Protein backbone atom coordinates (compact mmCIF):
# COMPACT_ATOMS: atom_id res chain seq x y z
CA MET A 1 -57.30 40.38 -17.09
CA ARG A 2 -54.40 38.56 -18.80
CA LYS A 3 -51.69 40.93 -20.05
CA ARG A 4 -51.12 40.90 -23.78
CA LEU A 5 -47.43 40.61 -24.83
CA SER A 6 -45.99 43.14 -27.21
CA SER A 7 -44.23 41.85 -30.33
CA ILE A 8 -40.81 42.53 -28.75
CA GLU A 9 -41.80 40.78 -25.51
CA TYR A 10 -43.13 37.86 -27.56
CA LEU A 11 -39.87 37.53 -29.50
CA ASN A 12 -37.85 37.77 -26.31
CA SER A 13 -39.90 35.01 -24.74
CA MET A 14 -39.38 32.81 -27.83
CA TYR A 15 -35.62 33.41 -27.66
CA ALA A 16 -35.66 32.49 -23.98
CA ILE A 17 -37.47 29.23 -24.72
CA LYS A 18 -35.03 28.55 -27.57
CA TYR A 19 -32.03 29.00 -25.32
CA LEU A 20 -33.61 26.87 -22.62
CA LEU A 21 -34.10 24.07 -25.18
CA VAL A 22 -30.53 24.45 -26.45
CA GLY A 23 -29.26 24.37 -22.88
CA PHE A 24 -31.31 21.26 -22.17
CA LEU A 25 -29.99 19.49 -25.28
CA PHE A 26 -26.46 20.60 -24.38
CA GLY A 27 -26.94 19.05 -20.95
CA ILE A 28 -27.99 15.78 -22.54
CA LEU A 29 -25.16 15.72 -25.08
CA VAL A 30 -22.36 17.21 -23.00
CA ILE A 31 -23.13 17.15 -19.31
CA GLN A 32 -24.51 13.62 -19.26
CA PRO A 33 -21.33 12.05 -20.67
CA SER A 34 -19.41 14.00 -18.05
CA MET A 35 -21.66 12.54 -15.36
CA GLU A 36 -21.06 9.07 -16.75
CA LEU A 37 -17.34 9.71 -16.62
CA GLN A 38 -17.60 10.82 -13.00
CA ALA A 39 -19.62 7.69 -12.23
CA SER A 40 -16.69 5.48 -13.23
CA HIS A 41 -14.09 4.67 -10.61
CA TYR A 42 -10.37 4.01 -10.51
CA PRO A 43 -8.95 0.55 -9.72
CA ASP A 44 -7.34 -0.46 -6.44
CA GLN A 45 -3.55 -0.42 -6.58
CA GLN A 46 -0.87 -1.69 -4.24
CA TYR A 47 2.74 -0.45 -4.24
CA MET A 48 5.62 -1.78 -2.16
CA LEU A 49 9.24 -1.07 -1.35
CA GLU A 50 10.92 -4.13 0.14
CA GLY A 51 14.45 -4.87 1.31
CA ALA A 52 17.41 -2.61 2.04
CA ASP A 53 18.32 -2.14 -1.61
CA SER A 54 14.92 -0.86 -2.69
CA LEU A 55 14.38 1.22 0.44
CA LEU A 56 17.75 2.97 0.21
CA TYR A 57 17.48 3.39 -3.54
CA GLU A 58 14.23 5.30 -3.09
CA ALA A 59 15.71 7.57 -0.40
CA GLU A 60 15.55 11.30 -1.03
CA GLN A 61 17.04 12.38 2.31
CA LEU A 62 19.00 10.22 4.77
CA THR A 63 20.14 11.01 8.29
CA ASN A 64 21.97 8.26 10.20
CA ILE A 65 20.17 5.47 8.29
CA VAL A 66 21.99 2.53 6.65
CA ALA A 67 21.39 -1.00 5.39
CA LEU A 68 21.53 -3.36 8.37
CA SER A 69 22.23 -6.53 6.40
CA GLU A 70 22.15 -7.73 2.83
CA ASN A 71 18.68 -7.20 1.33
CA GLU A 72 16.95 -7.32 4.73
CA GLY A 73 16.18 -3.89 6.11
CA ILE A 74 17.36 -0.45 7.12
CA GLY A 75 18.10 1.03 10.52
CA LEU A 76 20.31 3.37 12.51
CA ILE A 77 24.05 3.68 12.05
CA ASP A 78 26.12 2.12 14.85
CA SER A 79 26.93 5.53 16.35
CA GLY A 80 23.40 6.96 16.10
CA THR A 81 20.52 7.02 18.57
CA SER A 82 18.18 8.80 16.15
CA GLY A 83 17.74 9.09 12.41
CA SER A 84 15.27 9.63 9.61
CA ILE A 85 14.64 8.85 5.97
CA ILE A 86 12.40 10.64 3.47
CA PHE A 87 11.59 8.64 0.38
CA ARG A 88 11.29 9.89 -3.17
CA THR A 89 7.88 10.78 -4.49
CA GLN A 90 5.95 7.60 -5.24
CA SER A 91 3.39 7.60 -8.06
CA SER A 92 0.29 5.57 -8.81
CA ALA A 93 -0.95 4.63 -12.25
CA GLU A 94 -4.48 5.78 -11.39
CA PRO A 95 -5.86 8.53 -9.09
CA PHE A 96 -6.97 7.72 -5.55
CA ASN A 97 -8.74 9.36 -2.61
CA ARG A 98 -8.23 6.59 -0.04
CA ALA A 99 -4.92 5.16 1.19
CA LEU A 100 -3.95 2.23 3.40
CA PRO A 101 -0.28 2.45 4.45
CA SER A 102 1.41 -0.45 6.24
CA TRP A 103 4.92 -1.63 7.04
CA ASN A 104 7.05 -4.48 8.39
CA GLY A 105 10.02 -4.19 10.69
CA LYS A 106 11.31 -4.71 14.22
CA ALA A 107 11.86 -2.61 17.32
CA PRO A 108 13.61 -3.41 20.62
CA GLY A 109 10.88 -3.48 23.26
CA ASP A 110 10.56 -0.35 25.36
CA ASP A 111 13.95 1.10 24.43
CA GLY A 112 13.51 1.91 20.76
CA GLY A 113 11.00 2.50 18.03
CA PHE A 114 10.08 4.11 14.76
CA ARG A 115 7.17 6.14 13.47
CA VAL A 116 5.79 6.43 9.93
CA PHE A 117 4.43 9.48 8.11
CA ILE A 118 2.90 10.15 4.71
CA ARG A 119 2.11 13.30 2.78
CA VAL A 120 0.33 14.09 -0.51
CA PRO A 121 0.28 17.09 -2.87
CA TYR A 122 -1.62 20.08 -1.51
CA ASN A 123 -2.09 23.47 -3.18
CA SER A 124 1.23 24.22 -4.90
CA GLY A 125 3.31 22.04 -2.58
CA TRP A 126 2.79 19.23 -0.11
CA SER A 127 0.47 18.59 2.80
CA PRO A 128 2.03 18.53 6.26
CA TRP A 129 3.52 15.19 7.32
CA LEU A 130 0.67 13.06 8.65
CA GLU A 131 1.60 10.44 11.24
CA VAL A 132 0.03 7.06 10.51
CA GLY A 133 1.55 5.02 13.32
CA TYR A 134 4.55 4.04 15.39
CA TRP A 135 6.21 0.88 16.74
CA LYS A 136 7.12 -0.26 19.36
CA ASP A 137 7.73 2.39 21.99
CA ASN A 138 6.68 6.00 21.46
CA LEU A 139 9.83 7.97 22.28
CA TRP A 140 8.47 11.20 20.84
CA SER A 141 6.71 13.79 22.96
CA GLY A 142 3.57 15.64 21.91
CA GLY A 143 0.54 14.62 19.93
CA LYS A 144 0.06 13.44 16.38
CA SER A 145 -0.49 15.56 13.30
CA THR A 146 -3.27 13.72 11.47
CA SER A 147 -5.22 16.29 9.45
CA TYR A 148 -4.92 19.25 7.10
CA GLY A 149 -7.19 21.29 4.83
CA ASP A 150 -7.82 18.56 2.25
CA GLY A 151 -7.73 15.30 4.18
CA ARG A 152 -6.92 13.36 7.33
CA ILE A 153 -5.69 10.08 8.76
CA ALA A 154 -8.73 8.35 10.25
CA ILE A 155 -6.78 6.12 12.69
CA ASP A 156 -5.37 3.89 9.96
CA THR A 157 -6.88 5.13 6.69
CA GLY A 158 -5.89 8.13 4.60
CA ILE A 159 -9.07 9.98 3.60
CA PHE A 160 -8.57 12.71 1.02
CA TYR A 161 -11.14 15.12 -0.35
CA SER A 162 -9.32 15.44 -3.69
CA TYR A 163 -7.86 12.77 -5.95
CA HIS A 164 -4.08 12.26 -6.00
CA THR A 165 -1.51 10.20 -7.88
CA GLN A 166 1.50 10.89 -5.64
CA TRP A 167 2.64 10.49 -2.05
CA GLN A 168 5.78 10.36 0.06
CA PHE A 169 6.79 8.28 3.08
CA LYS A 170 8.95 9.45 5.98
CA ILE A 171 10.30 7.31 8.83
CA GLU A 172 11.89 8.50 12.06
CA MET A 173 13.84 6.10 14.33
CA LYS A 174 15.05 6.35 17.91
CA ARG A 175 16.70 4.24 20.60
CA ASN A 176 17.58 5.11 24.17
CA ASP A 177 21.28 4.24 23.92
CA LEU A 178 23.85 2.69 21.59
CA ALA A 179 23.68 -0.65 23.42
CA THR A 180 20.04 -1.03 22.33
CA PRO A 181 19.56 -2.79 18.98
CA SER A 182 18.46 -0.52 16.18
CA PRO A 183 14.83 -0.42 15.04
CA GLU A 184 14.40 -1.86 11.55
CA ILE A 185 12.17 -1.33 8.54
CA HIS A 186 11.94 -4.15 5.99
CA LEU A 187 8.91 -3.24 3.89
CA LEU A 188 6.67 -0.28 3.11
CA SER A 189 3.31 -0.80 1.43
CA MET A 190 0.69 1.62 0.17
CA THR A 191 -2.70 0.43 -1.07
CA VAL A 192 -4.55 3.26 -2.80
CA SER A 193 -8.21 3.19 -3.78
CA ASP A 194 -11.20 5.11 -5.05
CA SER A 195 -14.00 5.37 -2.49
CA ARG A 196 -16.55 4.94 -5.29
CA THR A 197 -15.42 1.33 -5.78
CA THR A 198 -16.84 0.53 -2.35
CA ASP A 199 -19.99 2.56 -2.97
CA GLU A 200 -20.69 0.76 -6.25
CA ALA A 201 -19.96 -2.85 -5.27
CA ASP A 202 -21.56 -5.35 -7.67
CA TYR A 203 -23.30 -7.74 -5.31
CA PHE A 204 -24.83 -9.82 -8.08
CA SER A 205 -21.31 -10.80 -9.16
CA ILE A 206 -20.03 -11.11 -5.58
CA LEU A 207 -22.80 -13.45 -4.46
CA ASN A 208 -22.47 -15.55 -7.61
CA ASP A 209 -18.70 -15.82 -7.24
CA ASP A 210 -18.21 -19.44 -6.09
CA PRO A 211 -14.52 -20.33 -5.71
CA GLU A 212 -13.29 -23.93 -5.65
CA PRO A 213 -13.09 -25.58 -2.21
CA ILE A 214 -10.04 -24.78 -0.07
CA TYR A 215 -9.43 -24.82 3.68
CA VAL A 216 -6.81 -23.37 6.08
CA ASP A 217 -6.73 -25.04 9.47
CA THR A 218 -5.65 -23.43 12.75
CA ASP A 219 -6.22 -23.62 16.48
CA HIS A 220 -9.32 -21.58 17.23
CA ILE A 221 -9.01 -18.84 19.88
CA PHE A 222 -12.12 -17.44 21.53
CA GLN A 223 -11.11 -13.86 22.23
CA TYR A 224 -13.21 -13.53 25.40
CA SER A 225 -11.33 -16.44 26.98
CA VAL A 226 -7.93 -14.74 26.49
CA ASP A 227 -8.52 -12.21 29.25
CA ASP A 228 -11.56 -11.11 31.26
CA GLU A 229 -10.74 -7.41 31.03
CA ILE A 230 -9.73 -6.91 27.39
CA GLY A 231 -11.28 -10.01 25.80
CA GLY A 232 -14.09 -8.10 24.14
CA ARG A 233 -11.71 -5.69 22.37
CA ILE A 234 -9.06 -7.94 20.85
CA CYS A 235 -10.58 -9.49 17.72
CA SER A 236 -7.77 -8.06 15.57
CA PRO A 237 -4.76 -9.45 17.50
CA THR A 238 -6.65 -12.70 18.20
CA SER A 239 -7.27 -13.25 14.48
CA ALA A 240 -3.62 -12.50 13.74
CA SER A 241 -2.63 -14.99 16.46
CA MET A 242 -4.73 -17.65 14.73
CA VAL A 243 -2.85 -16.86 11.50
CA LEU A 244 0.47 -17.40 13.30
CA LEU A 245 -0.76 -20.70 14.69
CA SER A 246 -1.88 -21.79 11.22
CA TYR A 247 1.77 -21.47 10.14
CA GLY A 248 2.95 -23.44 13.16
CA ILE A 249 4.37 -20.33 14.90
CA ASP A 250 3.97 -20.26 18.68
CA VAL A 251 2.33 -17.15 20.09
CA ASP A 252 0.86 -16.04 23.40
CA PRO A 253 -2.45 -14.42 22.34
CA TYR A 254 -2.56 -12.29 25.48
CA GLN A 255 0.94 -10.86 25.03
CA PHE A 256 0.32 -10.36 21.31
CA ALA A 257 -2.82 -8.40 22.19
CA LEU A 258 -0.98 -6.24 24.73
CA ASP A 259 1.71 -5.41 22.16
CA ASN A 260 -1.01 -4.61 19.65
CA ARG A 261 -2.65 -1.92 21.77
CA ASP A 262 -2.18 1.61 20.43
CA PRO A 263 -1.95 3.92 23.48
CA TYR A 264 -2.75 7.01 21.44
CA TYR A 265 -6.22 5.72 20.48
CA ASP A 266 -6.49 3.10 23.26
CA ILE A 267 -7.60 0.43 20.80
CA PHE A 268 -6.23 -2.99 19.85
CA GLY A 269 -7.24 -3.03 16.20
CA VAL A 270 -5.17 -0.39 14.36
CA TRP A 271 -4.62 -2.12 11.03
CA PRO A 272 -0.95 -1.40 10.23
CA ARG A 273 0.00 -2.00 13.86
CA THR A 274 -1.37 -5.56 13.72
CA VAL A 275 0.51 -6.26 10.49
CA GLN A 276 3.68 -4.86 12.06
CA ASN A 277 3.19 -6.93 15.21
CA ALA A 278 2.97 -10.12 13.14
CA SER A 279 6.19 -9.23 11.31
CA GLU A 280 8.02 -9.53 14.65
CA TYR A 281 7.09 -13.24 14.50
CA GLY A 282 8.39 -13.81 10.96
CA LEU A 283 5.38 -12.94 8.81
CA LYS A 284 5.33 -10.61 5.85
CA GLY A 285 2.08 -8.68 5.70
CA THR A 286 0.26 -5.72 4.23
CA VAL A 287 -3.07 -3.96 4.62
CA ASN A 288 -4.98 -4.04 1.35
CA ARG A 289 -8.43 -4.45 -0.20
CA TYR A 290 -10.29 -7.26 -1.94
CA ARG A 291 -13.34 -6.89 -4.15
CA THR A 292 -14.18 -10.53 -5.03
CA TRP A 293 -14.11 -13.88 -3.28
CA SER A 294 -12.04 -15.39 -6.08
CA GLU A 295 -9.18 -12.98 -5.31
CA THR A 296 -9.03 -14.29 -1.76
CA ARG A 297 -9.10 -17.90 -2.90
CA GLU A 298 -6.00 -17.26 -5.02
CA ILE A 299 -4.15 -15.89 -1.98
CA LEU A 300 -5.04 -18.93 0.14
CA ASN A 301 -4.01 -21.24 -2.67
CA ASN A 302 -0.60 -19.52 -2.80
CA GLY A 303 0.01 -20.12 0.89
CA GLY A 304 -1.26 -16.77 2.14
CA ARG A 305 -3.62 -15.92 4.96
CA ILE A 306 -6.34 -13.27 5.15
CA VAL A 307 -7.95 -11.47 8.09
CA MET A 308 -11.08 -9.56 7.12
CA SER A 309 -12.34 -6.31 8.68
CA VAL A 310 -16.15 -6.57 8.75
CA GLY A 311 -19.06 -4.43 9.87
CA LEU A 312 -22.82 -4.63 9.60
CA PRO A 313 -24.83 -6.83 9.44
CA ILE A 314 -22.40 -9.15 11.31
CA SER A 315 -20.99 -6.54 13.69
CA SER A 316 -22.21 -3.07 14.58
CA ALA A 317 -18.91 -2.05 16.21
CA GLY A 318 -16.49 -3.54 13.68
CA HIS A 319 -14.88 -6.96 13.89
CA LEU A 320 -11.96 -8.93 12.42
CA ILE A 321 -12.08 -12.59 11.47
CA MET A 322 -9.74 -15.02 9.74
CA LEU A 323 -10.84 -16.37 6.37
CA ALA A 324 -10.65 -20.19 6.56
CA GLY A 325 -11.62 -21.02 2.97
CA PHE A 326 -14.60 -22.13 0.89
CA ASP A 327 -16.88 -25.16 1.00
CA GLU A 328 -18.09 -27.34 -1.88
CA ASP A 329 -20.70 -24.72 -2.83
CA GLY A 330 -18.20 -21.86 -2.94
CA ASP A 331 -19.51 -20.35 0.30
CA PRO A 332 -16.91 -18.79 2.64
CA LEU A 333 -15.83 -20.32 5.94
CA VAL A 334 -14.18 -18.30 8.71
CA HIS A 335 -12.42 -18.73 12.04
CA ASP A 336 -14.36 -16.19 14.07
CA PRO A 337 -12.67 -15.21 17.36
CA GLY A 338 -15.86 -13.55 18.59
CA ARG A 339 -17.75 -16.83 18.85
CA SER A 340 -17.03 -19.79 21.11
CA ASP A 341 -18.20 -21.97 18.18
CA GLY A 342 -16.30 -19.84 15.68
CA TYR A 343 -14.01 -22.59 14.33
CA ALA A 344 -14.76 -23.08 10.61
CA TYR A 345 -17.92 -21.04 11.14
CA GLN A 346 -20.24 -20.29 8.25
CA HIS A 347 -22.02 -16.95 8.22
CA SER A 348 -24.51 -16.56 5.41
CA LYS A 349 -22.72 -15.54 2.24
CA TYR A 350 -25.07 -12.58 1.89
CA SER A 351 -24.33 -11.26 5.40
CA LEU A 352 -20.59 -11.85 5.21
CA SER A 353 -20.31 -10.28 1.75
CA HIS A 354 -22.13 -7.14 2.81
CA SER A 355 -20.35 -6.89 6.14
CA TRP A 356 -16.96 -7.02 4.40
CA PHE A 357 -17.36 -5.44 0.97
CA ASP A 358 -19.66 -2.66 2.25
CA LYS A 359 -16.72 -1.71 4.46
CA GLY A 360 -14.31 -1.67 1.53
CA GLY A 361 -12.96 -5.22 1.57
CA VAL A 362 -10.10 -4.20 3.89
CA ALA A 363 -7.90 -7.08 5.04
CA TYR A 364 -4.56 -8.10 6.45
CA THR A 365 -2.74 -10.33 3.98
CA PHE A 366 0.05 -12.49 5.42
CA TYR A 367 2.74 -14.78 4.08
CA LEU A 368 5.74 -16.38 5.69
CA GLU A 369 8.63 -13.89 5.65
CA ASP A 370 10.70 -15.89 3.16
CA SER A 371 7.85 -15.94 0.65
CA SER A 372 8.22 -13.83 -2.49
CA ALA A 373 4.46 -13.22 -2.71
CA VAL A 374 2.60 -10.71 -0.60
CA GLY A 375 -0.65 -8.78 -0.94
CA ILE A 376 -2.77 -8.72 -4.07
CA GLN A 377 -1.60 -7.85 -7.55
CA PRO A 378 -4.56 -6.66 -9.63
CA GLU A 379 -4.31 -6.97 -13.36
CA ASP A 380 -3.63 -3.26 -13.80
CA ASP A 381 -1.18 -3.05 -10.89
CA GLN A 382 2.55 -3.43 -10.58
CA THR A 383 4.76 -3.18 -7.53
CA GLN A 384 6.62 0.09 -7.19
CA ALA A 385 10.32 -0.04 -8.13
CA SER A 386 9.93 -3.16 -10.28
CA VAL A 387 9.77 -3.93 -13.97
CA PHE A 388 6.55 -3.32 -15.91
CA PRO A 389 7.08 -6.25 -18.30
CA GLU A 390 4.33 -5.33 -20.74
CA TYR A 391 5.94 -1.96 -21.49
CA LEU A 392 9.57 -1.99 -20.34
CA THR A 393 12.02 -4.90 -20.00
CA VAL A 394 15.67 -4.44 -19.08
CA ARG A 395 18.77 -6.63 -19.18
CA ASN A 396 22.15 -5.54 -17.83
CA TYR A 397 25.52 -7.17 -18.60
CA PRO A 398 28.11 -7.78 -17.39
CA ASN A 399 27.39 -7.38 -13.69
CA PRO A 400 29.68 -7.20 -11.73
CA PHE A 401 31.77 -5.22 -14.22
CA ASN A 402 35.22 -3.67 -14.43
CA ALA A 403 35.24 -0.98 -17.10
CA SER A 404 31.74 -0.70 -18.52
CA THR A 405 28.31 -2.30 -18.41
CA THR A 406 25.54 -2.30 -21.02
CA PHE A 407 21.82 -1.87 -20.51
CA GLN A 408 19.60 -3.46 -23.14
CA TYR A 409 16.01 -2.33 -22.83
CA ASP A 410 12.91 -3.04 -24.87
CA ILE A 411 9.90 -0.73 -24.96
CA THR A 412 6.48 -1.55 -26.39
CA VAL A 413 5.16 2.03 -26.26
CA PRO A 414 7.00 5.05 -27.69
CA GLY A 415 8.31 7.81 -25.48
CA GLU A 416 11.22 9.23 -23.51
CA VAL A 417 13.62 6.93 -21.67
CA THR A 418 15.78 8.09 -18.76
CA ILE A 419 18.63 6.07 -17.26
CA GLN A 420 19.93 7.13 -13.84
CA ILE A 421 22.85 5.76 -11.85
CA VAL A 422 22.83 6.52 -8.11
CA ASP A 423 25.09 5.55 -5.21
CA LEU A 424 24.07 3.87 -1.97
CA SER A 425 23.17 7.20 -0.36
CA GLY A 426 20.67 7.91 -3.12
CA LYS A 427 22.81 10.63 -4.75
CA GLU A 428 22.62 10.73 -8.53
CA VAL A 429 25.93 9.83 -10.19
CA SER A 430 25.02 9.88 -13.88
CA ARG A 431 21.97 10.44 -16.07
CA PHE A 432 21.14 9.74 -19.71
CA SER A 433 17.88 10.69 -21.41
CA THR A 434 16.47 10.20 -24.89
CA SER A 435 14.28 12.88 -26.44
CA TYR A 436 11.93 10.33 -28.03
CA SER A 437 12.18 6.64 -28.85
CA GLU A 438 9.98 4.50 -31.03
CA THR A 439 9.03 1.03 -29.83
CA GLY A 440 11.87 -1.46 -30.12
CA SER A 441 15.13 -2.64 -28.56
CA TYR A 442 17.92 -0.25 -27.48
CA ARG A 443 21.31 -0.36 -25.79
CA HIS A 444 23.15 2.12 -23.58
CA ARG A 445 26.63 1.65 -22.16
CA TRP A 446 27.81 3.14 -18.89
CA ASP A 447 31.58 3.54 -18.62
CA GLY A 448 31.68 4.07 -14.87
CA LEU A 449 31.88 7.86 -15.15
CA ASN A 450 29.84 10.46 -13.32
CA SER A 451 28.03 13.35 -15.00
CA ALA A 452 31.25 15.41 -14.93
CA GLY A 453 33.16 12.69 -16.79
CA GLN A 454 35.11 11.61 -13.71
CA VAL A 455 35.83 7.98 -12.84
CA VAL A 456 33.67 6.74 -9.96
CA PRO A 457 35.17 4.42 -7.33
CA SER A 458 34.53 0.70 -6.94
CA GLY A 459 31.40 -0.20 -5.05
CA GLN A 460 27.70 -0.85 -5.35
CA TYR A 461 25.34 1.36 -7.33
CA PHE A 462 21.74 1.28 -8.47
CA TYR A 463 20.24 1.94 -11.87
CA ARG A 464 16.76 3.33 -12.47
CA ILE A 465 15.36 3.21 -16.01
CA THR A 466 12.13 5.14 -16.55
CA LEU A 467 9.82 5.22 -19.56
CA ASN A 468 7.58 8.28 -19.93
CA ASN A 469 8.13 9.22 -16.26
CA HIS A 470 5.93 6.29 -15.26
CA TYR A 471 7.13 2.76 -16.04
CA VAL A 472 10.18 1.95 -13.95
CA SER A 473 12.82 -0.77 -13.72
CA THR A 474 15.51 -0.74 -11.04
CA GLY A 475 18.50 -2.93 -10.32
CA LYS A 476 21.79 -3.23 -8.51
CA LEU A 477 25.26 -2.75 -10.06
CA THR A 478 28.65 -3.82 -8.71
CA LEU A 479 31.71 -1.98 -10.05
CA LEU A 480 35.06 -3.71 -9.45
CA ARG A 481 38.16 -1.79 -10.55
């Protein structure tokens, strides 16, 4: 027999239904927009520090590290066999949970080397230093630290379980004796991404993206013919060797492959290691991501080269191939080292698109070392330690100067402006900040005095002008007394 509800039980049940309906409507009106917000993703961004000036300017701590030559790179002092540099906190415009660090430099064979670390915010401080690679000889004992409570380095990729907008680099250098040339670092790059961009790739747009014809020729190398023992494992160094040959640079593919091997993982395809290896031959390169075919066509048109990291359906184990260009129909052509007929080979656009973009569009991007272009520059991205022209432009005169120099800066968004002067060691000499500035043009004169009002000596200095703790312009000053 069905139980009859009392009047109080009936009212309570009506209130329960009412609150369930209100909760449901609240979920539609409030929770759903939140879900839509979470479904959006942040853009890829690439940040670089290049040349001795930029690298030393961004130094937070220096031990036995100096500029080796004008605007080239940094290395050990003449009397040092070891040294290190920790860089200032670097910031991205948008959050990220994936990171692709890479670098360019040199190291003297088996008698010297450097290793590279990154860290990101964690709890109320920083994560431990995570080692992302070394070159050329590993002079450090012990294993690598590659993981912590909120992320890890998966061979060559930073995978983080939370989103970040900051990171730091650290480099350690060693050589066996003072007669050995110093290791060098010329460029540091960080490509940061949102994993959801890969998960939500728009294949309708990708497959209908038909760039204009372009072709990059090279001598094809069939990786299996390089060496019977390692031939099946060297697609990465073989593709990079084809890039070198496309620039007319001689290379022994077998020796390049041997140098490319990472003993820690016993693999030949660690991404930043391949880029670093190519820099020994005079190339400037980074590890970055592409999301459309048209982006790659622009790189090729500017004299660049691209090596793509692909997976299924082309390769189940992972494979790297050189992008050769596009045919009259806008379909991609590749130089595939894994095929004896891989010269100007044409995989189906569907298969190649999925094999690359499903894997995140990761690539090596190369230019000749004297080229000013490197990597990709998305519309929303700017290189670290450079001017953001749409928001902050800076002119400085005179330079060199004797008594004083004037900064004229224009801002197109209101906010706080900070001007810092630092010396070659990275130590702050003087600082000026505005509380709030409207958009417009401003001037600030520096009289060559430090923060205590004392005259600073002749020499080279750097300025760093920051708008709203985000948009940055840096430059070099020469004071002649």
